[in-house]
C-alpha cells in the first residue's frame, strides 16, 4: 500500500483508490442499481438512482478533510475503470473505525475487495494511527466474511436478528483487528 498525501490516493498492485468525483455518479449508479449488491448492504437503496449517487458523493471530500470518514473509489490501476467503493469511518474518541465496501457484481471473484480492504486497514493503522479496525456483515453474506478472515480479522461476535432487510431479520457478524496483533500478515 502506498498512500499519496497530495492526491489522497492509495495504490496497490492492481488498484488505485481515490476520492469519488461527481463525474463517477453514472458509473456508481450503474454498479449499485443491482439487487445482489443491495441485498448485502445495510444502507444502499434499491432501485439506485443517479440522484442517490450524487447525494452520496456530495459530502465525501468534506468528510475526508474533517477526518470523519474516508470514502474511496476502487479503480483499476491501468484503465481507471470503477470497480466499487471502500469506506473507513473515524471514531476519534475510541481511535477505531469501521470498514465497509461493495464491488460491482461484474467484478466479483477477482480479489478486488480483499486487496482494497487490506490497503484501507494499512491506511488506518499506518497513516491515521488507529488502534482497531472492525467490520460487520449479514450472516447471509458469507463471501464478505471470507474476505475479513483473509485480512487476519477475528470474529468478535454476532448480533442476532439485529437488522431487518426485506421483511426478514438478519444477524450481524462483527470482525475486528487490532494494530500490531493480527495485522502482521498484511504487509
N, C-alpha and C. Protein backbone atom coordinates (compact mmCIF):
# COMPACT_ATOMS: atom_id res chain seq x y z
N UNK A 1 0.85 -1.18 0.00
CA UNK A 1 0.00 0.00 0.00
C UNK A 1 0.89 1.23 0.00
N UNK A 2 0.58 2.13 -0.91
CA UNK A 2 1.29 3.41 -0.98
C UNK A 2 0.25 4.51 -0.97
N UNK A 3 0.32 5.35 0.07
CA UNK A 3 -0.62 6.47 0.19
C UNK A 3 0.06 7.75 -0.27
N UNK A 4 -0.60 8.46 -1.18
CA UNK A 4 -0.10 9.75 -1.66
C UNK A 4 -0.92 10.84 -0.98
N UNK A 5 -0.27 11.58 -0.08
CA UNK A 5 -0.95 12.62 0.70
C UNK A 5 -1.50 13.73 -0.19
N UNK A 6 -0.76 14.08 -1.21
CA UNK A 6 -1.17 15.20 -2.07
C UNK A 6 -2.43 14.87 -2.86
N UNK A 7 -2.43 13.72 -3.52
CA UNK A 7 -3.59 13.36 -4.35
C UNK A 7 -4.66 12.60 -3.56
N UNK A 8 -4.33 12.24 -2.31
CA UNK A 8 -5.25 11.47 -1.46
C UNK A 8 -5.65 10.17 -2.13
N UNK A 9 -4.65 9.46 -2.63
CA UNK A 9 -4.89 8.17 -3.27
C UNK A 9 -4.10 7.08 -2.57
N UNK A 10 -4.63 5.88 -2.65
CA UNK A 10 -3.95 4.69 -2.15
C UNK A 10 -3.73 3.78 -3.35
N UNK A 11 -2.49 3.37 -3.54
CA UNK A 11 -2.17 2.47 -4.66
C UNK A 11 -1.76 1.11 -4.12
N UNK A 12 -2.23 0.08 -4.81
CA UNK A 12 -1.83 -1.29 -4.52
C UNK A 12 -1.28 -1.87 -5.82
N UNK A 13 -1.06 -3.15 -5.83
CA UNK A 13 -0.52 -3.81 -7.03
C UNK A 13 -1.40 -3.58 -8.26
N UNK A 14 -2.74 -3.74 -8.09
CA UNK A 14 -3.65 -3.64 -9.23
C UNK A 14 -4.62 -2.47 -9.18
N UNK A 15 -4.70 -1.80 -8.03
CA UNK A 15 -5.76 -0.82 -7.82
C UNK A 15 -5.23 0.56 -7.46
N UNK A 16 -6.05 1.55 -7.75
CA UNK A 16 -5.88 2.89 -7.20
C UNK A 16 -7.20 3.23 -6.53
N UNK A 17 -7.10 3.61 -5.26
CA UNK A 17 -8.28 4.06 -4.54
C UNK A 17 -8.16 5.57 -4.39
N UNK A 18 -9.18 6.25 -4.87
CA UNK A 18 -9.17 7.71 -4.92
C UNK A 18 -10.51 8.24 -4.45
N UNK A 19 -10.56 9.53 -4.16
CA UNK A 19 -11.82 10.14 -3.78
C UNK A 19 -12.78 10.11 -4.96
N UNK A 20 -14.05 9.93 -4.66
CA UNK A 20 -15.06 9.99 -5.70
C UNK A 20 -15.22 11.41 -6.19
N UNK A 21 -15.61 11.54 -7.46
CA UNK A 21 -15.94 12.83 -8.06
C UNK A 21 -17.35 12.72 -8.61
N UNK A 22 -18.00 13.87 -8.80
CA UNK A 22 -19.37 13.83 -9.32
C UNK A 22 -19.42 13.14 -10.69
N UNK A 23 -18.32 13.17 -11.43
CA UNK A 23 -18.30 12.50 -12.73
C UNK A 23 -18.37 10.97 -12.61
N UNK A 24 -18.20 10.44 -11.40
CA UNK A 24 -18.33 8.99 -11.17
C UNK A 24 -19.77 8.56 -10.97
N UNK A 25 -20.69 9.52 -10.84
CA UNK A 25 -22.07 9.20 -10.44
C UNK A 25 -22.75 8.23 -11.40
N UNK A 26 -22.56 8.38 -12.68
CA UNK A 26 -23.22 7.46 -13.63
C UNK A 26 -22.71 6.04 -13.46
N UNK A 27 -21.39 5.88 -13.30
CA UNK A 27 -20.83 4.54 -13.10
C UNK A 27 -21.29 3.95 -11.77
N UNK A 28 -21.33 4.77 -10.72
CA UNK A 28 -21.81 4.30 -9.41
C UNK A 28 -23.25 3.82 -9.55
N UNK A 29 -24.07 4.60 -10.24
CA UNK A 29 -25.48 4.24 -10.43
C UNK A 29 -25.59 2.91 -11.17
N UNK A 30 -24.81 2.75 -12.21
CA UNK A 30 -24.86 1.51 -12.99
C UNK A 30 -24.48 0.30 -12.12
N UNK A 31 -23.45 0.45 -11.32
CA UNK A 31 -22.99 -0.66 -10.48
C UNK A 31 -23.93 -0.93 -9.30
N UNK A 32 -24.45 0.13 -8.68
CA UNK A 32 -25.26 -0.03 -7.47
C UNK A 32 -26.72 -0.36 -7.74
N UNK A 33 -27.20 -0.10 -8.93
CA UNK A 33 -28.58 -0.42 -9.24
C UNK A 33 -28.68 -1.92 -9.56
N UNK A 34 -28.36 -2.71 -8.54
CA UNK A 34 -28.22 -4.15 -8.69
C UNK A 34 -28.75 -4.80 -7.42
N UNK A 35 -29.73 -5.63 -7.57
CA UNK A 35 -30.35 -6.27 -6.41
C UNK A 35 -29.35 -7.06 -5.58
N UNK A 36 -28.41 -7.74 -6.22
CA UNK A 36 -27.46 -8.57 -5.49
C UNK A 36 -26.50 -7.76 -4.63
N UNK A 37 -26.26 -6.52 -4.98
CA UNK A 37 -25.46 -5.64 -4.11
C UNK A 37 -26.37 -5.10 -3.00
N UNK A 38 -27.54 -4.65 -3.36
CA UNK A 38 -28.50 -4.12 -2.39
C UNK A 38 -28.75 -5.09 -1.24
N UNK A 39 -28.98 -6.37 -1.55
CA UNK A 39 -29.36 -7.32 -0.51
C UNK A 39 -28.23 -7.60 0.48
N UNK A 40 -27.00 -7.25 0.13
CA UNK A 40 -25.85 -7.49 1.02
C UNK A 40 -25.33 -6.23 1.69
N UNK A 41 -26.02 -5.11 1.51
CA UNK A 41 -25.56 -3.86 2.10
C UNK A 41 -26.62 -3.32 3.06
N UNK A 42 -26.14 -2.58 4.04
CA UNK A 42 -27.02 -2.08 5.09
C UNK A 42 -27.87 -0.90 4.62
N UNK A 43 -27.27 0.05 3.92
CA UNK A 43 -27.95 1.32 3.67
C UNK A 43 -28.19 1.65 2.20
N UNK A 44 -27.71 0.85 1.29
CA UNK A 44 -27.86 1.15 -0.13
C UNK A 44 -29.33 1.03 -0.55
N UNK A 45 -29.88 2.07 -1.20
CA UNK A 45 -31.27 1.97 -1.67
C UNK A 45 -31.35 1.11 -2.94
N UNK A 46 -32.57 0.64 -3.21
CA UNK A 46 -32.81 -0.09 -4.46
C UNK A 46 -34.25 0.15 -4.86
N UNK A 47 -34.53 0.53 -6.08
CA UNK A 47 -33.54 0.83 -7.13
C UNK A 47 -32.66 2.02 -6.75
N UNK A 48 -31.51 2.07 -7.38
CA UNK A 48 -30.50 3.09 -7.09
C UNK A 48 -30.47 4.08 -8.24
N UNK A 49 -30.66 5.36 -7.92
CA UNK A 49 -30.77 6.39 -8.96
C UNK A 49 -29.51 7.24 -9.07
N UNK A 50 -29.43 8.00 -10.14
CA UNK A 50 -28.34 8.95 -10.31
C UNK A 50 -28.32 9.96 -9.17
N UNK A 51 -29.49 10.38 -8.72
CA UNK A 51 -29.55 11.32 -7.59
C UNK A 51 -29.02 10.69 -6.31
N UNK A 52 -29.26 9.39 -6.12
CA UNK A 52 -28.69 8.69 -4.96
C UNK A 52 -27.16 8.77 -5.00
N UNK A 53 -26.60 8.53 -6.17
CA UNK A 53 -25.14 8.58 -6.31
C UNK A 53 -24.61 9.98 -6.05
N UNK A 54 -25.23 10.98 -6.65
CA UNK A 54 -24.77 12.36 -6.47
C UNK A 54 -24.87 12.79 -5.01
N UNK A 55 -25.94 12.46 -4.35
CA UNK A 55 -26.11 12.81 -2.93
C UNK A 55 -25.06 12.13 -2.07
N UNK A 56 -24.76 10.88 -2.38
CA UNK A 56 -23.77 10.11 -1.62
C UNK A 56 -22.38 10.71 -1.80
N UNK A 57 -22.01 11.04 -3.02
CA UNK A 57 -20.67 11.56 -3.33
C UNK A 57 -20.48 12.97 -2.79
N UNK A 58 -21.55 13.72 -2.70
CA UNK A 58 -21.50 15.14 -2.37
C UNK A 58 -20.69 15.47 -1.12
N UNK A 59 -20.77 14.67 -0.07
CA UNK A 59 -20.12 15.02 1.19
C UNK A 59 -18.78 14.30 1.41
N UNK A 60 -18.33 13.51 0.47
CA UNK A 60 -17.10 12.73 0.67
C UNK A 60 -15.89 13.61 0.94
N UNK A 61 -15.67 14.62 0.11
CA UNK A 61 -14.50 15.48 0.25
C UNK A 61 -14.49 16.18 1.61
N UNK A 62 -15.63 16.72 1.99
CA UNK A 62 -15.74 17.42 3.28
C UNK A 62 -15.47 16.47 4.45
N UNK A 63 -16.05 15.27 4.39
CA UNK A 63 -15.83 14.28 5.45
C UNK A 63 -14.37 13.85 5.52
N UNK A 64 -13.74 13.71 4.36
CA UNK A 64 -12.32 13.32 4.31
C UNK A 64 -11.47 14.41 4.97
N UNK A 65 -11.69 15.65 4.59
CA UNK A 65 -10.88 16.76 5.10
C UNK A 65 -11.12 16.97 6.61
N UNK A 66 -12.31 16.65 7.10
CA UNK A 66 -12.63 16.80 8.52
C UNK A 66 -12.26 15.55 9.33
N UNK A 67 -11.65 14.56 8.68
CA UNK A 67 -11.29 13.30 9.33
C UNK A 67 -12.48 12.60 9.97
N UNK A 68 -13.64 12.69 9.32
CA UNK A 68 -14.84 11.99 9.79
C UNK A 68 -14.92 10.60 9.18
N UNK A 69 -14.68 10.53 7.87
CA UNK A 69 -14.71 9.25 7.16
C UNK A 69 -13.93 9.41 5.86
N UNK A 70 -13.53 8.26 5.34
CA UNK A 70 -12.72 8.22 4.12
C UNK A 70 -13.41 7.27 3.14
N UNK A 71 -13.97 7.83 2.09
CA UNK A 71 -14.69 7.05 1.07
C UNK A 71 -13.83 7.05 -0.19
N UNK A 72 -13.44 5.87 -0.62
CA UNK A 72 -12.59 5.76 -1.79
C UNK A 72 -13.28 4.99 -2.91
N UNK A 73 -13.10 5.46 -4.13
CA UNK A 73 -13.47 4.70 -5.31
C UNK A 73 -12.38 3.66 -5.53
N UNK A 74 -12.77 2.43 -5.76
CA UNK A 74 -11.82 1.36 -6.09
C UNK A 74 -11.75 1.29 -7.61
N UNK A 75 -10.58 1.62 -8.15
CA UNK A 75 -10.43 1.68 -9.61
C UNK A 75 -9.27 0.83 -10.09
N UNK A 76 -9.33 0.46 -11.36
CA UNK A 76 -8.25 -0.29 -12.00
C UNK A 76 -7.05 0.63 -12.16
N UNK A 77 -5.88 0.15 -11.77
CA UNK A 77 -4.66 0.96 -11.81
C UNK A 77 -4.30 1.38 -13.23
N UNK A 78 -4.59 0.53 -14.19
CA UNK A 78 -4.22 0.82 -15.58
C UNK A 78 -5.27 1.66 -16.30
N UNK A 79 -6.52 1.19 -16.26
CA UNK A 79 -7.57 1.82 -17.07
C UNK A 79 -8.36 2.90 -16.34
N UNK A 80 -8.34 2.87 -15.01
CA UNK A 80 -9.14 3.80 -14.22
C UNK A 80 -10.59 3.37 -14.07
N UNK A 81 -10.96 2.20 -14.62
CA UNK A 81 -12.34 1.74 -14.53
C UNK A 81 -12.76 1.57 -13.07
N UNK A 82 -13.97 1.99 -12.75
CA UNK A 82 -14.51 1.90 -11.40
C UNK A 82 -15.00 0.49 -11.12
N UNK A 83 -14.49 -0.12 -10.05
CA UNK A 83 -14.90 -1.46 -9.65
C UNK A 83 -15.88 -1.43 -8.48
N UNK A 84 -15.76 -0.42 -7.61
CA UNK A 84 -16.59 -0.38 -6.41
C UNK A 84 -16.15 0.72 -5.48
N UNK A 85 -16.43 0.54 -4.20
CA UNK A 85 -16.12 1.55 -3.19
C UNK A 85 -15.69 0.89 -1.90
N UNK A 86 -14.87 1.61 -1.14
CA UNK A 86 -14.49 1.17 0.20
C UNK A 86 -14.47 2.40 1.09
N UNK A 87 -14.97 2.23 2.29
CA UNK A 87 -15.05 3.35 3.23
C UNK A 87 -14.44 2.94 4.57
N UNK A 88 -13.95 3.94 5.26
CA UNK A 88 -13.41 3.78 6.60
C UNK A 88 -13.96 4.91 7.45
N UNK A 89 -14.69 4.56 8.50
CA UNK A 89 -15.17 5.60 9.41
C UNK A 89 -14.05 5.96 10.37
N UNK A 90 -14.20 7.07 11.08
CA UNK A 90 -13.17 7.51 12.02
C UNK A 90 -13.84 7.90 13.33
N UNK A 91 -13.76 6.99 14.29
CA UNK A 91 -14.26 7.27 15.62
C UNK A 91 -13.06 7.75 16.44
N UNK A 92 -12.84 9.05 16.43
CA UNK A 92 -11.65 9.62 17.06
C UNK A 92 -11.64 9.41 18.57
N UNK A 93 -12.81 9.40 19.19
CA UNK A 93 -12.87 9.21 20.65
C UNK A 93 -12.29 7.87 21.06
N UNK A 94 -12.56 6.83 20.25
CA UNK A 94 -12.11 5.49 20.60
C UNK A 94 -10.95 5.00 19.73
N UNK A 95 -10.48 5.84 18.81
CA UNK A 95 -9.33 5.51 17.97
C UNK A 95 -9.55 4.24 17.15
N UNK A 96 -10.77 4.15 16.58
CA UNK A 96 -11.08 2.99 15.74
C UNK A 96 -11.98 3.42 14.60
N UNK A 97 -12.23 2.49 13.71
CA UNK A 97 -13.13 2.76 12.61
C UNK A 97 -13.62 1.49 11.96
N UNK A 98 -14.72 1.63 11.25
CA UNK A 98 -15.34 0.51 10.55
C UNK A 98 -15.05 0.60 9.07
N UNK A 99 -14.73 -0.53 8.47
CA UNK A 99 -14.63 -0.57 7.02
C UNK A 99 -15.91 -1.15 6.45
N UNK A 100 -16.27 -0.63 5.28
CA UNK A 100 -17.42 -1.14 4.54
C UNK A 100 -17.07 -1.03 3.06
N UNK A 101 -17.58 -1.93 2.27
CA UNK A 101 -17.22 -1.94 0.85
C UNK A 101 -18.31 -2.60 0.02
N UNK A 102 -18.29 -2.28 -1.24
CA UNK A 102 -19.08 -3.00 -2.24
C UNK A 102 -18.28 -3.03 -3.54
N UNK A 103 -18.48 -4.08 -4.29
CA UNK A 103 -17.85 -4.26 -5.60
C UNK A 103 -18.96 -4.56 -6.59
N UNK A 104 -18.90 -3.93 -7.76
CA UNK A 104 -19.88 -4.21 -8.81
C UNK A 104 -19.89 -5.70 -9.13
N UNK A 105 -21.08 -6.26 -9.31
CA UNK A 105 -21.20 -7.71 -9.49
C UNK A 105 -20.35 -8.25 -10.64
N UNK A 106 -20.22 -7.49 -11.71
CA UNK A 106 -19.43 -7.97 -12.85
C UNK A 106 -17.95 -8.14 -12.51
N UNK A 107 -17.52 -7.58 -11.35
CA UNK A 107 -16.11 -7.66 -10.94
C UNK A 107 -15.89 -8.60 -9.76
N UNK A 108 -16.94 -9.29 -9.32
CA UNK A 108 -16.82 -10.24 -8.20
C UNK A 108 -15.86 -11.36 -8.58
N UNK A 109 -15.19 -11.89 -7.58
CA UNK A 109 -14.34 -13.06 -7.76
C UNK A 109 -12.93 -12.75 -8.23
N UNK A 110 -12.56 -11.47 -8.30
CA UNK A 110 -11.22 -11.10 -8.74
C UNK A 110 -10.29 -10.66 -7.61
N UNK A 111 -10.79 -10.69 -6.38
CA UNK A 111 -9.97 -10.31 -5.23
C UNK A 111 -9.85 -8.81 -5.00
N UNK A 112 -10.66 -8.01 -5.70
CA UNK A 112 -10.55 -6.56 -5.55
C UNK A 112 -10.95 -6.09 -4.15
N UNK A 113 -12.00 -6.68 -3.58
CA UNK A 113 -12.43 -6.26 -2.24
C UNK A 113 -11.35 -6.59 -1.22
N UNK A 114 -10.76 -7.77 -1.32
CA UNK A 114 -9.70 -8.16 -0.39
C UNK A 114 -8.49 -7.23 -0.52
N UNK A 115 -8.08 -6.95 -1.74
CA UNK A 115 -6.93 -6.08 -1.97
C UNK A 115 -7.19 -4.66 -1.46
N UNK A 116 -8.38 -4.15 -1.72
CA UNK A 116 -8.72 -2.80 -1.26
C UNK A 116 -8.85 -2.75 0.26
N UNK A 117 -9.46 -3.77 0.85
CA UNK A 117 -9.64 -3.79 2.31
C UNK A 117 -8.31 -3.92 3.02
N UNK A 118 -7.41 -4.72 2.49
CA UNK A 118 -6.06 -4.83 3.06
C UNK A 118 -5.40 -3.46 3.08
N UNK A 119 -5.50 -2.74 1.97
CA UNK A 119 -4.88 -1.41 1.87
C UNK A 119 -5.54 -0.40 2.81
N UNK A 120 -6.85 -0.47 2.96
CA UNK A 120 -7.53 0.50 3.82
C UNK A 120 -7.21 0.23 5.29
N UNK A 121 -7.00 -1.03 5.65
CA UNK A 121 -6.58 -1.34 7.03
C UNK A 121 -5.18 -0.79 7.27
N UNK A 122 -4.28 -0.97 6.31
CA UNK A 122 -2.93 -0.41 6.44
C UNK A 122 -3.00 1.12 6.53
N UNK A 123 -3.85 1.74 5.74
CA UNK A 123 -4.06 3.19 5.79
C UNK A 123 -4.51 3.59 7.19
N UNK A 124 -5.46 2.85 7.76
CA UNK A 124 -5.97 3.15 9.10
C UNK A 124 -4.87 3.07 10.15
N UNK A 125 -4.08 2.02 10.11
CA UNK A 125 -3.05 1.83 11.12
C UNK A 125 -1.82 2.71 10.90
N UNK A 126 -1.34 2.76 9.66
CA UNK A 126 -0.08 3.45 9.38
C UNK A 126 -0.23 4.95 9.16
N UNK A 127 -1.28 5.37 8.50
CA UNK A 127 -1.46 6.79 8.19
C UNK A 127 -2.29 7.52 9.23
N UNK A 128 -3.30 6.85 9.75
CA UNK A 128 -4.24 7.51 10.66
C UNK A 128 -4.04 7.13 12.12
N UNK A 129 -3.19 6.15 12.38
CA UNK A 129 -2.87 5.80 13.76
C UNK A 129 -3.98 5.13 14.55
N UNK A 130 -4.87 4.42 13.87
CA UNK A 130 -5.95 3.71 14.57
C UNK A 130 -5.38 2.61 15.45
N UNK A 131 -6.13 2.30 16.49
CA UNK A 131 -5.83 1.15 17.34
C UNK A 131 -6.54 -0.11 16.83
N UNK A 132 -7.75 0.09 16.27
CA UNK A 132 -8.57 -1.04 15.85
C UNK A 132 -9.38 -0.69 14.62
N UNK A 133 -9.59 -1.69 13.77
CA UNK A 133 -10.50 -1.59 12.63
C UNK A 133 -11.47 -2.76 12.76
N UNK A 134 -12.74 -2.49 12.48
CA UNK A 134 -13.75 -3.55 12.55
C UNK A 134 -14.64 -3.50 11.32
N UNK A 135 -15.40 -4.55 11.14
CA UNK A 135 -16.35 -4.65 10.03
C UNK A 135 -17.50 -5.53 10.47
N UNK A 136 -18.61 -5.39 9.79
CA UNK A 136 -19.77 -6.22 10.07
C UNK A 136 -20.41 -6.63 8.75
N UNK A 137 -21.06 -7.78 8.78
CA UNK A 137 -21.72 -8.25 7.56
C UNK A 137 -22.93 -9.08 7.95
N UNK A 138 -23.86 -9.18 7.01
CA UNK A 138 -25.04 -10.02 7.22
C UNK A 138 -24.60 -11.49 7.21
N UNK A 139 -25.20 -12.29 8.08
CA UNK A 139 -24.90 -13.72 8.11
C UNK A 139 -25.11 -14.36 6.73
N UNK A 140 -26.06 -13.83 5.98
CA UNK A 140 -26.36 -14.39 4.66
C UNK A 140 -25.29 -14.05 3.62
N UNK A 141 -24.33 -13.19 3.96
CA UNK A 141 -23.27 -12.78 3.02
C UNK A 141 -21.92 -13.35 3.47
N UNK A 142 -21.80 -14.65 3.39
CA UNK A 142 -20.59 -15.32 3.86
C UNK A 142 -19.35 -14.96 3.05
N UNK A 143 -19.53 -14.52 1.80
CA UNK A 143 -18.37 -14.10 0.99
C UNK A 143 -17.66 -12.94 1.66
N UNK A 144 -18.41 -12.03 2.24
CA UNK A 144 -17.80 -10.90 2.95
C UNK A 144 -17.03 -11.39 4.17
N UNK A 145 -17.57 -12.37 4.85
CA UNK A 145 -16.86 -12.95 6.00
C UNK A 145 -15.53 -13.58 5.60
N UNK A 146 -15.50 -14.24 4.45
CA UNK A 146 -14.24 -14.85 3.98
C UNK A 146 -13.19 -13.77 3.68
N UNK A 147 -13.64 -12.63 3.16
CA UNK A 147 -12.71 -11.53 2.90
C UNK A 147 -12.09 -11.07 4.21
N UNK A 148 -12.91 -10.88 5.22
CA UNK A 148 -12.41 -10.39 6.51
C UNK A 148 -11.45 -11.40 7.14
N UNK A 149 -11.73 -12.67 7.00
CA UNK A 149 -10.82 -13.70 7.52
C UNK A 149 -9.47 -13.64 6.80
N UNK A 150 -9.49 -13.43 5.48
CA UNK A 150 -8.24 -13.33 4.71
C UNK A 150 -7.38 -12.17 5.19
N UNK A 151 -8.03 -11.14 5.74
CA UNK A 151 -7.32 -9.96 6.22
C UNK A 151 -6.73 -10.15 7.61
N UNK A 152 -6.98 -11.30 8.21
CA UNK A 152 -6.49 -11.55 9.56
C UNK A 152 -7.43 -11.04 10.64
N UNK A 153 -8.62 -10.62 10.25
CA UNK A 153 -9.59 -10.16 11.24
C UNK A 153 -10.15 -11.38 11.98
N UNK A 154 -10.53 -11.15 13.22
CA UNK A 154 -11.07 -12.22 14.06
C UNK A 154 -12.54 -11.94 14.37
N UNK A 155 -13.31 -13.00 14.39
CA UNK A 155 -14.72 -12.89 14.73
C UNK A 155 -14.85 -12.45 16.19
N UNK A 156 -15.64 -11.41 16.40
CA UNK A 156 -15.80 -10.87 17.75
C UNK A 156 -17.20 -11.11 18.31
N UNK A 157 -18.15 -11.37 17.44
CA UNK A 157 -19.48 -11.60 17.96
C UNK A 157 -20.56 -11.56 16.91
N UNK A 158 -21.74 -11.94 17.33
CA UNK A 158 -22.91 -11.96 16.46
C UNK A 158 -24.03 -11.22 17.18
N UNK A 159 -24.63 -10.27 16.49
CA UNK A 159 -25.84 -9.62 16.99
C UNK A 159 -27.02 -10.29 16.29
N UNK A 160 -27.75 -11.09 17.02
CA UNK A 160 -28.81 -11.93 16.47
C UNK A 160 -30.03 -11.09 16.09
N UNK A 161 -30.53 -11.33 14.87
CA UNK A 161 -31.73 -10.63 14.37
C UNK A 161 -31.65 -9.12 14.59
N UNK A 162 -30.51 -8.56 14.31
CA UNK A 162 -30.21 -7.17 14.66
C UNK A 162 -30.78 -6.14 13.70
N UNK A 163 -30.89 -6.50 12.43
CA UNK A 163 -31.43 -5.57 11.44
C UNK A 163 -32.51 -6.28 10.63
N UNK A 164 -33.39 -5.46 10.06
CA UNK A 164 -34.44 -6.01 9.22
C UNK A 164 -34.17 -5.60 7.79
N UNK A 165 -34.08 -6.56 6.92
CA UNK A 165 -33.83 -6.32 5.50
C UNK A 165 -34.85 -7.13 4.73
N UNK A 166 -35.64 -6.44 3.91
CA UNK A 166 -36.66 -7.11 3.10
C UNK A 166 -37.58 -7.99 3.92
N UNK A 167 -38.10 -7.44 4.97
CA UNK A 167 -39.07 -8.13 5.83
C UNK A 167 -38.54 -9.39 6.50
N UNK A 168 -37.23 -9.50 6.64
CA UNK A 168 -36.68 -10.60 7.43
C UNK A 168 -35.54 -10.04 8.28
N UNK A 169 -35.36 -10.64 9.42
CA UNK A 169 -34.29 -10.20 10.32
C UNK A 169 -32.99 -10.88 9.95
N UNK A 170 -31.92 -10.12 10.06
CA UNK A 170 -30.58 -10.61 9.72
C UNK A 170 -29.68 -10.51 10.94
N UNK A 171 -28.86 -11.54 11.14
CA UNK A 171 -27.79 -11.46 12.13
C UNK A 171 -26.67 -10.61 11.55
N UNK A 172 -26.07 -9.79 12.40
CA UNK A 172 -24.87 -9.05 12.01
C UNK A 172 -23.68 -9.71 12.67
N UNK A 173 -22.69 -10.06 11.87
CA UNK A 173 -21.49 -10.70 12.38
C UNK A 173 -20.38 -9.65 12.38
N UNK A 174 -19.74 -9.50 13.54
CA UNK A 174 -18.68 -8.50 13.71
C UNK A 174 -17.31 -9.16 13.71
N UNK A 175 -16.39 -8.55 12.97
CA UNK A 175 -14.99 -8.96 12.94
C UNK A 175 -14.14 -7.74 13.26
N UNK A 176 -12.96 -7.96 13.83
CA UNK A 176 -12.08 -6.84 14.14
C UNK A 176 -10.62 -7.23 14.07
N UNK A 177 -9.80 -6.21 14.02
CA UNK A 177 -8.35 -6.39 14.01
C UNK A 177 -7.74 -5.23 14.78
N UNK A 178 -6.75 -5.55 15.62
CA UNK A 178 -6.08 -4.53 16.44
C UNK A 178 -4.67 -4.36 15.93
N UNK A 179 -4.22 -3.12 15.86
CA UNK A 179 -2.88 -2.82 15.35
C UNK A 179 -1.84 -3.67 16.08
N UNK A 180 -0.93 -4.24 15.31
CA UNK A 180 0.16 -5.00 15.88
C UNK A 180 -0.19 -6.40 16.32
N UNK A 181 -1.46 -6.77 16.31
CA UNK A 181 -1.83 -8.12 16.75
C UNK A 181 -1.94 -9.06 15.55
N UNK A 182 -3.02 -8.96 14.81
CA UNK A 182 -3.24 -9.88 13.70
C UNK A 182 -2.77 -9.31 12.38
N UNK A 183 -2.31 -8.09 12.39
CA UNK A 183 -2.10 -7.44 11.10
C UNK A 183 -0.69 -7.62 10.54
N UNK A 184 0.12 -8.46 11.20
CA UNK A 184 1.47 -8.69 10.66
C UNK A 184 1.43 -9.26 9.25
N UNK A 185 0.43 -10.10 8.96
CA UNK A 185 0.35 -10.73 7.64
C UNK A 185 -0.11 -9.79 6.54
N UNK A 186 -0.49 -8.58 6.87
CA UNK A 186 -0.99 -7.66 5.85
C UNK A 186 0.11 -7.08 4.98
N UNK A 187 1.27 -6.87 5.54
CA UNK A 187 2.32 -6.16 4.77
C UNK A 187 3.15 -7.06 3.91
